[in-house]
Amino acid sequence: DGQVILSGDTKSIDLIKIKLKEKKIKTIPLKVSAPFHCSLMHPAAKEMSEKINKTQFKKPSIQIINNVFADVENEPQKIKENLVKQIYATVKWRESIEFMKKNNIKNFIEIGPGKALTGMVKRTVKDVNCFSINSLDDIKNLTNELKK
């Protein structure tokens, strides 16, 4: 809550930043290599679509919550379609986290460097457990915590 991520061509984003600054609204540029999650990514999505569709997907044994629609999707073909869509579509990250909380998901695990997503989960929903995995020790600690 309270944050909006904008994506697009540099010129348009720079114009928006000027307008926001005039209204005393803080902006923080994200260090990214491409205009992810906007229409400028359609060429990349097309290329990825070819690769994804050549890959065999099986029906998952757990529920998959996609961030395109913030809902469960377990059909392999739909999962493929959503993987392609997420390249150019708006990310419904907050809505996905709220959906999980509403459906009694209590443990959130971030795997990889940093703790940015863990922090955002904590600010978005309350009364959940958040874990950040950055090392083998973190995995051992998580295993111990989940046994409790």
C-alpha atoms as a PDB file:
ATOM      1  CA  ASP A   1       0.000   0.000   0.000  1.00  0.00           C
ATOM      2  CA  GLY A   2       1.174   3.505  -0.718  1.00  0.00           C
ATOM      3  CA  GLN A   3       3.490   2.559  -3.563  1.00  0.00           C
ATOM      4  CA  VAL A   4       2.935   2.528  -7.300  1.00  0.00           C
ATOM      5  CA  ILE A   5       5.414   1.183  -9.816  1.00  0.00           C
ATOM      6  CA  LEU A   6       5.385   2.777 -13.263  1.00  0.00           C
ATOM      7  CA  SER A   7       6.950   1.244 -16.330  1.00  0.00           C
ATOM      8  CA  GLY A   8       7.367   2.609 -19.828  1.00  0.00           C
ATOM      9  CA  ASP A   9       9.728   4.446 -22.117  1.00  0.00           C
ATOM     10  CA  THR A  10      12.310   6.663 -20.429  1.00  0.00           C
ATOM     11  CA  LYS A  11      10.943   9.924 -21.854  1.00  0.00           C
ATOM     12  CA  SER A  12       7.421   9.279 -20.556  1.00  0.00           C
ATOM     13  CA  ILE A  13       8.659   8.180 -17.142  1.00  0.00           C
ATOM     14  CA  ASP A  14      10.833  11.317 -16.906  1.00  0.00           C
ATOM     15  CA  LEU A  15       7.792  13.507 -17.683  1.00  0.00           C
ATOM     16  CA  ILE A  16       5.762  11.771 -14.998  1.00  0.00           C
ATOM     17  CA  LYS A  17       8.593  12.242 -12.488  1.00  0.00           C
ATOM     18  CA  ILE A  18       8.573  16.008 -13.198  1.00  0.00           C
ATOM     19  CA  LYS A  19       4.796  16.199 -12.670  1.00  0.00           C
ATOM     20  CA  LEU A  20       5.026  14.213  -9.447  1.00  0.00           C
ATOM     21  CA  LYS A  21       7.872  16.384  -8.164  1.00  0.00           C
ATOM     22  CA  GLU A  22       5.720  19.479  -8.794  1.00  0.00           C
ATOM     23  CA  LYS A  23       3.103  17.881  -6.526  1.00  0.00           C
ATOM     24  CA  LYS A  24       5.792  17.038  -3.949  1.00  0.00           C
ATOM     25  CA  ILE A  25       5.353  13.306  -4.525  1.00  0.00           C
ATOM     26  CA  LYS A  26       8.527  11.303  -3.982  1.00  0.00           C
ATOM     27  CA  THR A  27       9.827   9.096  -6.783  1.00  0.00           C
ATOM     28  CA  ILE A  28      12.533   6.466  -6.620  1.00  0.00           C
ATOM     29  CA  PRO A  29      13.830   5.040  -9.894  1.00  0.00           C
ATOM     30  CA  LEU A  30      14.240   1.277  -9.820  1.00  0.00           C
ATOM     31  CA  LYS A  31      17.454  -0.100 -11.263  1.00  0.00           C
ATOM     32  CA  VAL A  32      16.106  -2.386 -13.966  1.00  0.00           C
ATOM     33  CA  SER A  33      17.466  -3.404 -17.338  1.00  0.00           C
ATOM     34  CA  ALA A  34      14.208  -3.156 -19.301  1.00  0.00           C
ATOM     35  CA  PRO A  35      10.664  -1.685 -19.097  1.00  0.00           C
ATOM     36  CA  PHE A  36       9.212  -4.803 -17.504  1.00  0.00           C
ATOM     37  CA  HIS A  37       5.469  -5.320 -17.132  1.00  0.00           C
ATOM     38  CA  CYS A  38       4.363  -2.895 -19.849  1.00  0.00           C
ATOM     39  CA  SER A  39       3.475  -3.001 -23.534  1.00  0.00           C
ATOM     40  CA  LEU A  40       7.074  -2.249 -24.539  1.00  0.00           C
ATOM     41  CA  MET A  41       7.846  -5.837 -23.557  1.00  0.00           C
ATOM     42  CA  HIS A  42       5.579  -7.441 -26.188  1.00  0.00           C
ATOM     43  CA  PRO A  43       8.531  -8.392 -28.454  1.00  0.00           C
ATOM     44  CA  ALA A  44      10.256 -10.139 -25.537  1.00  0.00           C
ATOM     45  CA  ALA A  45       6.986 -11.849 -24.589  1.00  0.00           C
ATOM     46  CA  LYS A  46       6.635 -13.179 -28.125  1.00  0.00           C
ATOM     47  CA  GLU A  47      10.151 -14.610 -28.019  1.00  0.00           C
ATOM     48  CA  MET A  48       9.590 -16.135 -24.580  1.00  0.00           C
ATOM     49  CA  SER A  49       6.240 -17.538 -25.688  1.00  0.00           C
ATOM     50  CA  GLU A  50       7.995 -19.668 -28.292  1.00  0.00           C
ATOM     51  CA  LYS A  51      10.424 -21.010 -25.676  1.00  0.00           C
ATOM     52  CA  ILE A  52       7.791 -21.547 -22.971  1.00  0.00           C
ATOM     53  CA  ASN A  53       5.430 -23.345 -25.342  1.00  0.00           C
ATOM     54  CA  LYS A  54       8.208 -25.767 -26.311  1.00  0.00           C
ATOM     55  CA  THR A  55       8.651 -26.680 -22.663  1.00  0.00           C
ATOM     56  CA  GLN A  56       6.602 -29.505 -21.171  1.00  0.00           C
ATOM     57  CA  PHE A  57       4.640 -28.466 -18.105  1.00  0.00           C
ATOM     58  CA  LYS A  58       2.905 -30.941 -15.829  1.00  0.00           C
ATOM     59  CA  LYS A  59      -0.036 -30.115 -13.615  1.00  0.00           C
ATOM     60  CA  PRO A  60       1.453 -28.858 -10.339  1.00  0.00           C
ATOM     61  CA  SER A  61       0.880 -30.794  -7.136  1.00  0.00           C
ATOM     62  CA  ILE A  62       0.422 -27.530  -5.221  1.00  0.00           C
ATOM     63  CA  GLN A  63      -1.650 -24.469  -6.042  1.00  0.00           C
ATOM     64  CA  ILE A  64       0.073 -21.826  -8.158  1.00  0.00           C
ATOM     65  CA  ILE A  65      -1.003 -18.238  -7.570  1.00  0.00           C
ATOM     66  CA  ASN A  66      -0.175 -16.091 -10.551  1.00  0.00           C
ATOM     67  CA  ASN A  67       0.483 -12.373 -10.341  1.00  0.00           C
ATOM     68  CA  VAL A  68      -1.348 -11.492 -13.557  1.00  0.00           C
ATOM     69  CA  PHE A  69      -4.807 -12.202 -12.144  1.00  0.00           C
ATOM     70  CA  ALA A  70      -3.997 -12.692  -8.415  1.00  0.00           C
ATOM     71  CA  ASP A  71      -5.741 -16.030  -8.467  1.00  0.00           C
ATOM     72  CA  VAL A  72      -4.991 -19.759  -8.524  1.00  0.00           C
ATOM     73  CA  GLU A  73      -4.115 -21.376 -11.822  1.00  0.00           C
ATOM     74  CA  ASN A  74      -3.094 -25.025 -12.077  1.00  0.00           C
ATOM     75  CA  GLU A  75      -3.720 -25.866 -15.713  1.00  0.00           C
ATOM     76  CA  PRO A  76      -0.360 -26.188 -17.508  1.00  0.00           C
ATOM     77  CA  GLN A  77      -1.460 -24.346 -20.663  1.00  0.00           C
ATOM     78  CA  LYS A  78      -2.889 -21.449 -18.642  1.00  0.00           C
ATOM     79  CA  ILE A  79       0.286 -21.298 -16.535  1.00  0.00           C
ATOM     80  CA  LYS A  80       2.290 -20.980 -19.755  1.00  0.00           C
ATOM     81  CA  GLU A  81      -0.001 -18.201 -20.976  1.00  0.00           C
ATOM     82  CA  ASN A  82       0.305 -16.367 -17.666  1.00  0.00           C
ATOM     83  CA  LEU A  83       4.107 -16.633 -17.683  1.00  0.00           C
ATOM     84  CA  VAL A  84       4.093 -14.872 -21.032  1.00  0.00           C
ATOM     85  CA  LYS A  85       1.515 -12.282 -19.936  1.00  0.00           C
ATOM     86  CA  GLN A  86       3.456 -11.362 -16.821  1.00  0.00           C
ATOM     87  CA  ILE A  87       6.251 -10.053 -19.025  1.00  0.00           C
ATOM     88  CA  TYR A  88       4.054  -7.218 -20.328  1.00  0.00           C
ATOM     89  CA  ALA A  89       1.090  -7.124 -17.925  1.00  0.00           C
ATOM     90  CA  THR A  90       0.655  -5.153 -14.737  1.00  0.00           C
ATOM     91  CA  VAL A  91       1.855  -7.152 -11.747  1.00  0.00           C
ATOM     92  CA  LYS A  92      -0.861  -7.696  -9.174  1.00  0.00           C
ATOM     93  CA  TRP A  93       1.645  -8.389  -6.448  1.00  0.00           C
ATOM     94  CA  ARG A  94      -0.238  -6.778  -3.567  1.00  0.00           C
ATOM     95  CA  GLU A  95      -3.482  -8.402  -4.672  1.00  0.00           C
ATOM     96  CA  SER A  96      -1.712 -11.780  -4.855  1.00  0.00           C
ATOM     97  CA  ILE A  97      -0.391 -11.395  -1.305  1.00  0.00           C
ATOM     98  CA  GLU A  98      -3.838 -10.366  -0.054  1.00  0.00           C
ATOM     99  CA  PHE A  99      -5.396 -13.339  -1.887  1.00  0.00           C
ATOM    100  CA  MET A 100      -2.963 -15.677  -0.132  1.00  0.00           C
ATOM    101  CA  LYS A 101      -3.704 -14.166   3.275  1.00  0.00           C
ATOM    102  CA  LYS A 102      -7.456 -14.438   2.618  1.00  0.00           C
ATOM    103  CA  ASN A 103      -6.892 -18.114   1.795  1.00  0.00           C
ATOM    104  CA  ASN A 104      -5.067 -18.759   5.067  1.00  0.00           C
ATOM    105  CA  ILE A 105      -1.499 -18.778   3.779  1.00  0.00           C
ATOM    106  CA  LYS A 106       0.554 -18.074   6.894  1.00  0.00           C
ATOM    107  CA  ASN A 107       4.157 -18.597   5.732  1.00  0.00           C
ATOM    108  CA  PHE A 108       5.880 -16.469   3.109  1.00  0.00           C
ATOM    109  CA  ILE A 109       9.371 -17.445   1.996  1.00  0.00           C
ATOM    110  CA  GLU A 110      11.624 -15.195  -0.091  1.00  0.00           C
ATOM    111  CA  ILE A 111      14.489 -17.046  -1.763  1.00  0.00           C
ATOM    112  CA  GLY A 112      17.436 -15.088  -3.105  1.00  0.00           C
ATOM    113  CA  PRO A 113      19.549 -12.100  -2.219  1.00  0.00           C
ATOM    114  CA  GLY A 114      17.992  -9.376  -0.114  1.00  0.00           C
ATOM    115  CA  LYS A 115      14.808  -9.036   1.883  1.00  0.00           C
ATOM    116  CA  ALA A 116      12.814  -6.518  -0.152  1.00  0.00           C
ATOM    117  CA  LEU A 117       9.836  -8.797  -0.809  1.00  0.00           C
ATOM    118  CA  THR A 118       9.781 -10.007   2.790  1.00  0.00           C
ATOM    119  CA  GLY A 119       9.521  -6.393   3.935  1.00  0.00           C
ATOM    120  CA  MET A 120       6.722  -5.668   1.479  1.00  0.00           C
ATOM    121  CA  VAL A 121       4.767  -8.732   2.630  1.00  0.00           C
ATOM    122  CA  LYS A 122       5.078  -7.568   6.258  1.00  0.00           C
ATOM    123  CA  ARG A 123       3.742  -4.123   5.296  1.00  0.00           C
ATOM    124  CA  THR A 124       0.918  -5.554   3.186  1.00  0.00           C
ATOM    125  CA  VAL A 125      -0.567  -8.218   5.471  1.00  0.00           C
ATOM    126  CA  LYS A 126      -0.407  -8.809   9.205  1.00  0.00           C
ATOM    127  CA  ASP A 127      -0.178 -11.955  11.308  1.00  0.00           C
ATOM    128  CA  VAL A 128       1.909 -13.964   8.845  1.00  0.00           C
ATOM    129  CA  ASN A 129       5.378 -15.466   9.093  1.00  0.00           C
ATOM    130  CA  CYS A 130       8.002 -14.142   6.707  1.00  0.00           C
ATOM    131  CA  PHE A 131      11.290 -15.856   6.005  1.00  0.00           C
ATOM    132  CA  SER A 132      14.169 -14.707   3.846  1.00  0.00           C
ATOM    133  CA  ILE A 133      16.527 -17.362   2.506  1.00  0.00           C
ATOM    134  CA  ASN A 134      19.993 -16.094   1.595  1.00  0.00           C
ATOM    135  CA  SER A 135      22.204 -18.931   2.836  1.00  0.00           C
ATOM    136  CA  LEU A 136      22.315 -22.568   3.937  1.00  0.00           C
ATOM    137  CA  ASP A 137      22.014 -21.397   7.552  1.00  0.00           C
ATOM    138  CA  ASP A 138      18.770 -19.624   6.632  1.00  0.00           C
ATOM    139  CA  ILE A 139      17.408 -22.919   5.273  1.00  0.00           C
ATOM    140  CA  LYS A 140      18.325 -24.701   8.512  1.00  0.00           C
ATOM    141  CA  ASN A 141      16.661 -21.939  10.570  1.00  0.00           C
ATOM    142  CA  LEU A 142      13.545 -22.089   8.401  1.00  0.00           C
ATOM    143  CA  THR A 143      13.347 -25.852   8.793  1.00  0.00           C
ATOM    144  CA  ASN A 144      13.553 -25.477  12.585  1.00  0.00           C
ATOM    145  CA  GLU A 145      10.910 -22.722  12.613  1.00  0.00           C
ATOM    146  CA  LEU A 146       8.465 -24.706  10.488  1.00  0.00           C
ATOM    147  CA  LYS A 147       8.806 -27.717  12.799  1.00  0.00           C
ATOM    148  CA  LYS A 148       7.440 -25.666  15.712  1.00  0.00           C
END
